[in-house]
Amino acid sequence: MTRGRRQPPRSPATNAQVTYSAVLTPAEDGFVCAQIAEIPEAISRGRTIEEATANVAAALELALQWRRDEGETLPARAHVTVAAVTVATV
């Protein structure tokens, strides 16, 4: 007998893979910040791009599981465009 909350059996759709867009930006402290564009609560950082990517993948798994547990639908992958924006400084 297990203690605590029982996990529902996973359906084949739950085990399917999904790809989202990670936005990686350098931080002032030398770390790399990573956030999933489509799932803003999936955010992390690392000392390298590889570490930040692995860390945000773990955060994404947790965020997706939370959304499933809450009955929320998972968003489709966004087509992310990065553009330079110039403004005048004051």
PDB file of N, CA and C in Angstrom:
ATOM      1  N   MET A   1       0.841  -1.183   0.000  1.00  0.00           N
ATOM      2  CA  MET A   1       0.000   0.000   0.000  1.00  0.00           C
ATOM      3  C   MET A   1       0.884   1.244   0.000  1.00  0.00           C
ATOM      4  N   THR A   2       0.549   2.191  -0.836  1.00  0.00           N
ATOM      5  CA  THR A   2       1.319   3.430  -0.891  1.00  0.00           C
ATOM      6  C   THR A   2       0.601   4.503  -0.096  1.00  0.00           C
ATOM      7  N   ARG A   3       1.362   5.409   0.429  1.00  0.00           N
ATOM      8  CA  ARG A   3       0.796   6.520   1.196  1.00  0.00           C
ATOM      9  C   ARG A   3       0.744   7.751   0.320  1.00  0.00           C
ATOM     10  N   GLY A   4      -0.153   8.648   0.669  1.00  0.00           N
ATOM     11  CA  GLY A   4      -0.240   9.898  -0.069  1.00  0.00           C
ATOM     12  C   GLY A   4      -1.213   9.811  -1.227  1.00  0.00           C
ATOM     13  N   ARG A   5      -1.119  10.769  -2.077  1.00  0.00           N
ATOM     14  CA  ARG A   5      -2.033  10.900  -3.202  1.00  0.00           C
ATOM     15  C   ARG A   5      -1.720   9.894  -4.287  1.00  0.00           C
ATOM     16  N   ARG A   6      -2.724   9.195  -4.758  1.00  0.00           N
ATOM     17  CA  ARG A   6      -2.534   8.237  -5.846  1.00  0.00           C
ATOM     18  C   ARG A   6      -2.487   8.977  -7.169  1.00  0.00           C
ATOM     19  N   GLN A   7      -1.558   8.587  -7.992  1.00  0.00           N
ATOM     20  CA  GLN A   7      -1.439   9.190  -9.312  1.00  0.00           C
ATOM     21  C   GLN A   7      -2.314   8.414 -10.284  1.00  0.00           C
ATOM     22  N   PRO A   8      -3.086   9.104 -11.116  1.00  0.00           N
ATOM     23  CA  PRO A   8      -3.894   8.391 -12.104  1.00  0.00           C
ATOM     24  C   PRO A   8      -2.985   7.741 -13.130  1.00  0.00           C
ATOM     25  N   PRO A   9      -3.431   6.640 -13.733  1.00  0.00           N
ATOM     26  CA  PRO A   9      -2.601   6.020 -14.766  1.00  0.00           C
ATOM     27  C   PRO A   9      -2.403   6.981 -15.925  1.00  0.00           C
ATOM     28  N   ARG A  10      -1.240   6.922 -16.506  1.00  0.00           N
ATOM     29  CA  ARG A  10      -0.940   7.819 -17.628  1.00  0.00           C
ATOM     30  C   ARG A  10      -1.500   7.230 -18.913  1.00  0.00           C
ATOM     31  N   SER A  11      -2.120   8.079 -19.675  1.00  0.00           N
ATOM     32  CA  SER A  11      -2.627   7.645 -20.970  1.00  0.00           C
ATOM     33  C   SER A  11      -1.497   7.783 -21.982  1.00  0.00           C
ATOM     34  N   PRO A  12      -1.612   7.101 -23.136  1.00  0.00           N
ATOM     35  CA  PRO A  12      -0.561   7.254 -24.146  1.00  0.00           C
ATOM     36  C   PRO A  12      -0.340   8.701 -24.553  1.00  0.00           C
ATOM     37  N   ALA A  13      -1.397   9.525 -24.571  1.00  0.00           N
ATOM     38  CA  ALA A  13      -1.247  10.941 -24.942  1.00  0.00           C
ATOM     39  C   ALA A  13      -0.402  11.679 -23.917  1.00  0.00           C
ATOM     40  N   THR A  14      -0.478  11.257 -22.634  1.00  0.00           N
ATOM     41  CA  THR A  14       0.303  11.909 -21.590  1.00  0.00           C
ATOM     42  C   THR A  14       1.794  11.674 -21.806  1.00  0.00           C
ATOM     43  N   ASN A  15       2.148  10.520 -22.360  1.00  0.00           N
ATOM     44  CA  ASN A  15       3.545  10.167 -22.555  1.00  0.00           C
ATOM     45  C   ASN A  15       4.093  10.651 -23.900  1.00  0.00           C
ATOM     46  N   ALA A  16       3.271  11.298 -24.698  1.00  0.00           N
ATOM     47  CA  ALA A  16       3.725  11.809 -25.985  1.00  0.00           C
ATOM     48  C   ALA A  16       4.700  12.955 -25.775  1.00  0.00           C
ATOM     49  N   GLN A  17       5.557  13.169 -26.738  1.00  0.00           N
ATOM     50  CA  GLN A  17       6.501  14.276 -26.644  1.00  0.00           C
ATOM     51  C   GLN A  17       5.910  15.521 -27.282  1.00  0.00           C
ATOM     52  N   VAL A  18       6.313  16.655 -26.749  1.00  0.00           N
ATOM     53  CA  VAL A  18       5.884  17.944 -27.278  1.00  0.00           C
ATOM     54  C   VAL A  18       7.108  18.860 -27.263  1.00  0.00           C
ATOM     55  N   THR A  19       7.191  19.738 -28.226  1.00  0.00           N
ATOM     56  CA  THR A  19       8.318  20.660 -28.322  1.00  0.00           C
ATOM     57  C   THR A  19       7.805  22.090 -28.179  1.00  0.00           C
ATOM     58  N   TYR A  20       8.466  22.842 -27.314  1.00  0.00           N
ATOM     59  CA  TYR A  20       8.144  24.249 -27.129  1.00  0.00           C
ATOM     60  C   TYR A  20       9.396  25.085 -27.381  1.00  0.00           C
ATOM     61  N   SER A  21       9.246  26.389 -27.379  1.00  0.00           N
ATOM     62  CA  SER A  21      10.341  27.308 -27.689  1.00  0.00           C
ATOM     63  C   SER A  21      10.956  27.861 -26.417  1.00  0.00           C
ATOM     64  N   ALA A  22      12.250  27.600 -26.212  1.00  0.00           N
ATOM     65  CA  ALA A  22      12.972  28.152 -25.067  1.00  0.00           C
ATOM     66  C   ALA A  22      13.664  29.436 -25.499  1.00  0.00           C
ATOM     67  N   VAL A  23      13.477  30.483 -24.722  1.00  0.00           N
ATOM     68  CA  VAL A  23      14.143  31.754 -24.959  1.00  0.00           C
ATOM     69  C   VAL A  23      15.294  31.851 -23.959  1.00  0.00           C
ATOM     70  N   LEU A  24      16.510  31.939 -24.463  1.00  0.00           N
ATOM     71  CA  LEU A  24      17.712  31.969 -23.630  1.00  0.00           C
ATOM     72  C   LEU A  24      18.341  33.352 -23.713  1.00  0.00           C
ATOM     73  N   THR A  25      18.581  33.948 -22.562  1.00  0.00           N
ATOM     74  CA  THR A  25      19.192  35.273 -22.532  1.00  0.00           C
ATOM     75  C   THR A  25      20.288  35.306 -21.476  1.00  0.00           C
ATOM     76  N   PRO A  26      21.381  35.995 -21.764  1.00  0.00           N
ATOM     77  CA  PRO A  26      22.437  36.108 -20.763  1.00  0.00           C
ATOM     78  C   PRO A  26      22.013  37.055 -19.649  1.00  0.00           C
ATOM     79  N   ALA A  27      22.369  36.706 -18.432  1.00  0.00           N
ATOM     80  CA  ALA A  27      22.071  37.563 -17.278  1.00  0.00           C
ATOM     81  C   ALA A  27      23.331  38.313 -16.880  1.00  0.00           C
ATOM     82  N   GLU A  28      23.154  39.384 -16.153  1.00  0.00           N
ATOM     83  CA  GLU A  28      24.293  40.203 -15.721  1.00  0.00           C
ATOM     84  C   GLU A  28      25.247  39.449 -14.804  1.00  0.00           C
ATOM     85  N   ASP A  29      24.744  38.422 -14.095  1.00  0.00           N
ATOM     86  CA  ASP A  29      25.582  37.670 -13.165  1.00  0.00           C
ATOM     87  C   ASP A  29      26.351  36.532 -13.833  1.00  0.00           C
ATOM     88  N   GLY A  30      26.286  36.450 -15.162  1.00  0.00           N
ATOM     89  CA  GLY A  30      27.011  35.418 -15.893  1.00  0.00           C
ATOM     90  C   GLY A  30      26.201  34.166 -16.168  1.00  0.00           C
ATOM     91  N   PHE A  31      25.047  34.049 -15.559  1.00  0.00           N
ATOM     92  CA  PHE A  31      24.187  32.900 -15.814  1.00  0.00           C
ATOM     93  C   PHE A  31      23.425  33.099 -17.120  1.00  0.00           C
ATOM     94  N   VAL A  32      22.789  32.046 -17.588  1.00  0.00           N
ATOM     95  CA  VAL A  32      21.917  32.104 -18.754  1.00  0.00           C
ATOM     96  C   VAL A  32      20.500  31.868 -18.250  1.00  0.00           C
ATOM     97  N   CYS A  33      19.599  32.811 -18.507  1.00  0.00           N
ATOM     98  CA  CYS A  33      18.197  32.674 -18.134  1.00  0.00           C
ATOM     99  C   CYS A  33      17.460  31.959 -19.257  1.00  0.00           C
ATOM    100  N   ALA A  34      16.537  31.085 -18.881  1.00  0.00           N
ATOM    101  CA  ALA A  34      15.774  30.326 -19.870  1.00  0.00           C
ATOM    102  C   ALA A  34      14.305  30.344 -19.493  1.00  0.00           C
ATOM    103  N   GLN A  35      13.449  30.598 -20.469  1.00  0.00           N
ATOM    104  CA  GLN A  35      12.008  30.596 -20.246  1.00  0.00           C
ATOM    105  C   GLN A  35      11.327  30.004 -21.468  1.00  0.00           C
ATOM    106  N   ILE A  36      10.286  29.221 -21.235  1.00  0.00           N
ATOM    107  CA  ILE A  36       9.507  28.655 -22.331  1.00  0.00           C
ATOM    108  C   ILE A  36       8.485  29.700 -22.757  1.00  0.00           C
ATOM    109  N   ALA A  37       8.525  30.088 -24.023  1.00  0.00           N
ATOM    110  CA  ALA A  37       7.666  31.173 -24.514  1.00  0.00           C
ATOM    111  C   ALA A  37       6.181  30.868 -24.330  1.00  0.00           C
ATOM    112  N   GLU A  38       5.790  29.633 -24.587  1.00  0.00           N
ATOM    113  CA  GLU A  38       4.372  29.271 -24.533  1.00  0.00           C
ATOM    114  C   GLU A  38       3.890  28.962 -23.108  1.00  0.00           C
ATOM    115  N   ILE A  39       4.807  28.663 -22.213  1.00  0.00           N
ATOM    116  CA  ILE A  39       4.478  28.287 -20.826  1.00  0.00           C
ATOM    117  C   ILE A  39       5.309  29.200 -19.921  1.00  0.00           C
ATOM    118  N   PRO A  40       4.872  30.423 -19.664  1.00  0.00           N
ATOM    119  CA  PRO A  40       5.722  31.392 -18.963  1.00  0.00           C
ATOM    120  C   PRO A  40       6.134  30.984 -17.554  1.00  0.00           C
ATOM    121  N   GLU A  41       5.397  30.068 -16.927  1.00  0.00           N
ATOM    122  CA  GLU A  41       5.805  29.638 -15.588  1.00  0.00           C
ATOM    123  C   GLU A  41       6.968  28.649 -15.627  1.00  0.00           C
ATOM    124  N   ALA A  42       7.332  28.170 -16.808  1.00  0.00           N
ATOM    125  CA  ALA A  42       8.500  27.295 -16.966  1.00  0.00           C
ATOM    126  C   ALA A  42       9.718  28.186 -17.198  1.00  0.00           C
ATOM    127  N   ILE A  43      10.433  28.457 -16.124  1.00  0.00           N
ATOM    128  CA  ILE A  43      11.564  29.375 -16.174  1.00  0.00           C
ATOM    129  C   ILE A  43      12.675  28.828 -15.294  1.00  0.00           C
ATOM    130  N   SER A  44      13.907  29.008 -15.719  1.00  0.00           N
ATOM    131  CA  SER A  44      15.044  28.535 -14.937  1.00  0.00           C
ATOM    132  C   SER A  44      16.288  29.275 -15.400  1.00  0.00           C
ATOM    133  N   ARG A  45      17.444  28.785 -14.975  1.00  0.00           N
ATOM    134  CA  ARG A  45      18.701  29.376 -15.402  1.00  0.00           C
ATOM    135  C   ARG A  45      19.795  28.342 -15.240  1.00  0.00           C
ATOM    136  N   GLY A  46      20.965  28.642 -15.786  1.00  0.00           N
ATOM    137  CA  GLY A  46      22.109  27.756 -15.653  1.00  0.00           C
ATOM    138  C   GLY A  46      23.383  28.524 -15.937  1.00  0.00           C
ATOM    139  N   ARG A  47      24.499  27.894 -15.635  1.00  0.00           N
ATOM    140  CA  ARG A  47      25.800  28.542 -15.874  1.00  0.00           C
ATOM    141  C   ARG A  47      26.187  28.520 -17.353  1.00  0.00           C
ATOM    142  N   THR A  48      25.615  27.570 -18.105  1.00  0.00           N
ATOM    143  CA  THR A  48      25.880  27.456 -19.540  1.00  0.00           C
ATOM    144  C   THR A  48      24.547  27.330 -20.271  1.00  0.00           C
ATOM    145  N   ILE A  49      24.585  27.451 -21.584  1.00  0.00           N
ATOM    146  CA  ILE A  49      23.367  27.261 -22.380  1.00  0.00           C
ATOM    147  C   ILE A  49      22.835  25.842 -22.180  1.00  0.00           C
ATOM    148  N   GLU A  50      23.733  24.871 -22.147  1.00  0.00           N
ATOM    149  CA  GLU A  50      23.317  23.473 -21.990  1.00  0.00           C
ATOM    150  C   GLU A  50      22.642  23.252 -20.635  1.00  0.00           C
ATOM    151  N   GLU A  51      23.242  23.814 -19.579  1.00  0.00           N
ATOM    152  CA  GLU A  51      22.667  23.661 -18.237  1.00  0.00           C
ATOM    153  C   GLU A  51      21.329  24.387 -18.137  1.00  0.00           C
ATOM    154  N   ALA A  52      21.242  25.579 -18.692  1.00  0.00           N
ATOM    155  CA  ALA A  52      19.986  26.336 -18.667  1.00  0.00           C
ATOM    156  C   ALA A  52      18.895  25.591 -19.436  1.00  0.00           C
ATOM    157  N   THR A  53      19.255  24.996 -20.563  1.00  0.00           N
ATOM    158  CA  THR A  53      18.291  24.244 -21.360  1.00  0.00           C
ATOM    159  C   THR A  53      17.799  23.019 -20.604  1.00  0.00           C
ATOM    160  N   ALA A  54      18.706  22.287 -19.969  1.00  0.00           N
ATOM    161  CA  ALA A  54      18.311  21.117 -19.178  1.00  0.00           C
ATOM    162  C   ALA A  54      17.428  21.533 -18.003  1.00  0.00           C
ATOM    163  N   ASN A  55      17.786  22.628 -17.344  1.00  0.00           N
ATOM    164  CA  ASN A  55      17.011  23.096 -16.190  1.00  0.00           C
ATOM    165  C   ASN A  55      15.614  23.562 -16.589  1.00  0.00           C
ATOM    166  N   VAL A  56      15.512  24.257 -17.720  1.00  0.00           N
ATOM    167  CA  VAL A  56      14.188  24.730 -18.133  1.00  0.00           C
ATOM    168  C   VAL A  56      13.350  23.563 -18.650  1.00  0.00           C
ATOM    169  N   ALA A  57      13.979  22.518 -19.176  1.00  0.00           N
ATOM    170  CA  ALA A  57      13.229  21.321 -19.571  1.00  0.00           C
ATOM    171  C   ALA A  57      12.599  20.670 -18.342  1.00  0.00           C
ATOM    172  N   ALA A  58      13.339  20.616 -17.238  1.00  0.00           N
ATOM    173  CA  ALA A  58      12.787  20.069 -15.995  1.00  0.00           C
ATOM    174  C   ALA A  58      11.645  20.947 -15.491  1.00  0.00           C
ATOM    175  N   ALA A  59      11.808  22.260 -15.567  1.00  0.00           N
ATOM    176  CA  ALA A  59      10.746  23.185 -15.156  1.00  0.00           C
ATOM    177  C   ALA A  59       9.519  23.026 -16.047  1.00  0.00           C
ATOM    178  N   LEU A  60       9.741  22.800 -17.330  1.00  0.00           N
ATOM    179  CA  LEU A  60       8.638  22.603 -18.273  1.00  0.00           C
ATOM    180  C   LEU A  60       7.858  21.338 -17.931  1.00  0.00           C
ATOM    181  N   GLU A  61       8.559  20.257 -17.628  1.00  0.00           N
ATOM    182  CA  GLU A  61       7.871  19.017 -17.252  1.00  0.00           C
ATOM    183  C   GLU A  61       6.964  19.247 -16.046  1.00  0.00           C
ATOM    184  N   LEU A  62       7.464  19.954 -15.044  1.00  0.00           N
ATOM    185  CA  LEU A  62       6.652  20.246 -13.854  1.00  0.00           C
ATOM    186  C   LEU A  62       5.456  21.136 -14.193  1.00  0.00           C
ATOM    187  N   ALA A  63       5.682  22.145 -15.008  1.00  0.00           N
ATOM    188  CA  ALA A  63       4.600  23.060 -15.385  1.00  0.00           C
ATOM    189  C   ALA A  63       3.516  22.334 -16.182  1.00  0.00           C
ATOM    190  N   LEU A  64       3.930  21.456 -17.092  1.00  0.00           N
ATOM    191  CA  LEU A  64       2.956  20.703 -17.885  1.00  0.00           C
ATOM    192  C   LEU A  64       2.169  19.751 -16.995  1.00  0.00           C
ATOM    193  N   GLN A  65       2.842  19.096 -16.057  1.00  0.00           N
ATOM    194  CA  GLN A  65       2.141  18.193 -15.143  1.00  0.00           C
ATOM    195  C   GLN A  65       1.135  18.966 -14.297  1.00  0.00           C
ATOM    196  N   TRP A  66       1.523  20.156 -13.823  1.00  0.00           N
ATOM    197  CA  TRP A  66       0.606  20.981 -13.041  1.00  0.00           C
ATOM    198  C   TRP A  66      -0.610  21.351 -13.879  1.00  0.00           C
ATOM    199  N   ARG A  67      -0.375  21.753 -15.127  1.00  0.00           N
ATOM    200  CA  ARG A  67      -1.496  22.129 -16.003  1.00  0.00           C
ATOM    201  C   ARG A  67      -2.419  20.941 -16.246  1.00  0.00           C
ATOM    202  N   ARG A  68      -1.833  19.745 -16.458  1.00  0.00           N
ATOM    203  CA  ARG A  68      -2.664  18.544 -16.635  1.00  0.00           C
ATOM    204  C   ARG A  68      -3.492  18.282 -15.374  1.00  0.00           C
ATOM    205  N   ASP A  69      -2.845  18.346 -14.217  1.00  0.00           N
ATOM    206  CA  ASP A  69      -3.532  18.101 -12.948  1.00  0.00           C
ATOM    207  C   ASP A  69      -4.679  19.074 -12.726  1.00  0.00           C
ATOM    208  N   GLU A  70      -4.531  20.304 -13.212  1.00  0.00           N
ATOM    209  CA  GLU A  70      -5.566  21.333 -13.073  1.00  0.00           C
ATOM    210  C   GLU A  70      -6.624  21.245 -14.174  1.00  0.00           C
ATOM    211  N   GLY A  71      -6.443  20.322 -15.109  1.00  0.00           N
ATOM    212  CA  GLY A  71      -7.409  20.162 -16.194  1.00  0.00           C
ATOM    213  C   GLY A  71      -7.265  21.187 -17.300  1.00  0.00           C
ATOM    214  N   GLU A  72      -6.158  21.885 -17.326  1.00  0.00           N
ATOM    215  CA  GLU A  72      -5.941  22.899 -18.364  1.00  0.00           C
ATOM    216  C   GLU A  72      -5.450  22.226 -19.644  1.00  0.00           C
ATOM    217  N   THR A  73      -5.817  22.801 -20.767  1.00  0.00           N
ATOM    218  CA  THR A  73      -5.300  22.301 -22.036  1.00  0.00           C
ATOM    219  C   THR A  73      -3.879  22.821 -22.223  1.00  0.00           C
ATOM    220  N   LEU A  74      -3.090  22.055 -22.937  1.00  0.00           N
ATOM    221  CA  LEU A  74      -1.718  22.464 -23.195  1.00  0.00           C
ATOM    222  C   LEU A  74      -1.684  23.292 -24.468  1.00  0.00           C
ATOM    223  N   PRO A  75      -0.952  24.400 -24.450  1.00  0.00           N
ATOM    224  CA  PRO A  75      -0.915  25.262 -25.632  1.00  0.00           C
ATOM    225  C   PRO A  75      -0.133  24.615 -26.769  1.00  0.00           C
ATOM    226  N   ALA A  76      -0.464  25.026 -27.971  1.00  0.00           N
ATOM    227  CA  ALA A  76       0.286  24.589 -29.142  1.00  0.00           C
ATOM    228  C   ALA A  76       1.619  25.323 -29.165  1.00  0.00           C
ATOM    229  N   ARG A  77       2.550  24.778 -29.897  1.00  0.00           N
ATOM    230  CA  ARG A  77       3.846  25.437 -30.024  1.00  0.00           C
ATOM    231  C   ARG A  77       3.675  26.749 -30.777  1.00  0.00           C
ATOM    232  N   ALA A  78       4.272  27.790 -30.256  1.00  0.00           N
ATOM    233  CA  ALA A  78       4.215  29.103 -30.888  1.00  0.00           C
ATOM    234  C   ALA A  78       5.349  29.231 -31.899  1.00  0.00           C
ATOM    235  N   HIS A  79       5.146  30.069 -32.854  1.00  0.00           N
ATOM    236  CA  HIS A  79       6.213  30.411 -33.783  1.00  0.00           C
ATOM    237  C   HIS A  79       6.794  31.727 -33.281  1.00  0.00           C
ATOM    238  N   VAL A  80       7.914  31.624 -32.606  1.00  0.00           N
ATOM    239  CA  VAL A  80       8.519  32.773 -31.935  1.00  0.00           C
ATOM    240  C   VAL A  80       9.403  33.537 -32.909  1.00  0.00           C
ATOM    241  N   THR A  81       9.231  34.842 -32.933  1.00  0.00           N
ATOM    242  CA  THR A  81      10.076  35.722 -33.733  1.00  0.00           C
ATOM    243  C   THR A  81      10.768  36.696 -32.793  1.00  0.00           C
ATOM    244  N   VAL A  82      12.047  36.835 -32.953  1.00  0.00           N
ATOM    245  CA  VAL A  82      12.802  37.795 -32.151  1.00  0.00           C
ATOM    246  C   VAL A  82      13.140  38.967 -33.061  1.00  0.00           C
ATOM    247  N   ALA A  83      12.820  40.162 -32.599  1.00  0.00           N
ATOM    248  CA  ALA A  83      13.065  41.359 -33.388  1.00  0.00           C
ATOM    249  C   ALA A  83      13.730  42.419 -32.522  1.00  0.00           C
ATOM    250  N   ALA A  84      14.612  43.163 -33.112  1.00  0.00           N
ATOM    251  CA  ALA A  84      15.233  44.287 -32.402  1.00  0.00           C
ATOM    252  C   ALA A  84      14.236  45.438 -32.356  1.00  0.00           C
ATOM    253  N   VAL A  85      14.181  46.095 -31.221  1.00  0.00           N
ATOM    254  CA  VAL A  85      13.294  47.256 -31.032  1.00  0.00           C
ATOM    255  C   VAL A  85      14.170  48.401 -30.533  1.00  0.00           C
ATOM    256  N   THR A  86      14.133  49.531 -31.229  1.00  0.00           N
ATOM    257  CA  THR A  86      14.954  50.675 -30.871  1.00  0.00           C
ATOM    258  C   THR A  86      14.065  51.795 -30.355  1.00  0.00           C
ATOM    259  N   VAL A  87      14.454  52.368 -29.222  1.00  0.00           N
ATOM    260  CA  VAL A  87      13.749  53.512 -28.655  1.00  0.00           C
ATOM    261  C   VAL A  87      14.782  54.570 -28.265  1.00  0.00           C
ATOM    262  N   ALA A  88      14.349  55.779 -28.150  1.00  0.00           N
ATOM    263  CA  ALA A  88      15.230  56.848 -27.719  1.00  0.00           C
ATOM    264  C   ALA A  88      15.417  56.767 -26.213  1.00  0.00           C
ATOM    265  N   THR A  89      16.617  57.022 -25.760  1.00  0.00           N
ATOM    266  CA  THR A  89      16.865  57.070 -24.320  1.00  0.00           C
ATOM    267  C   THR A  89      16.604  58.476 -23.829  1.00  0.00           C
ATOM    268  N   VAL A  90      16.251  58.592 -22.586  1.00  0.00           N
ATOM    269  CA  VAL A  90      15.928  59.903 -22.020  1.00  0.00           C
ATOM    270  C   VAL A  90      17.152  60.474 -21.366  1.00  0.00           C
TER     271      VAL A  90
END
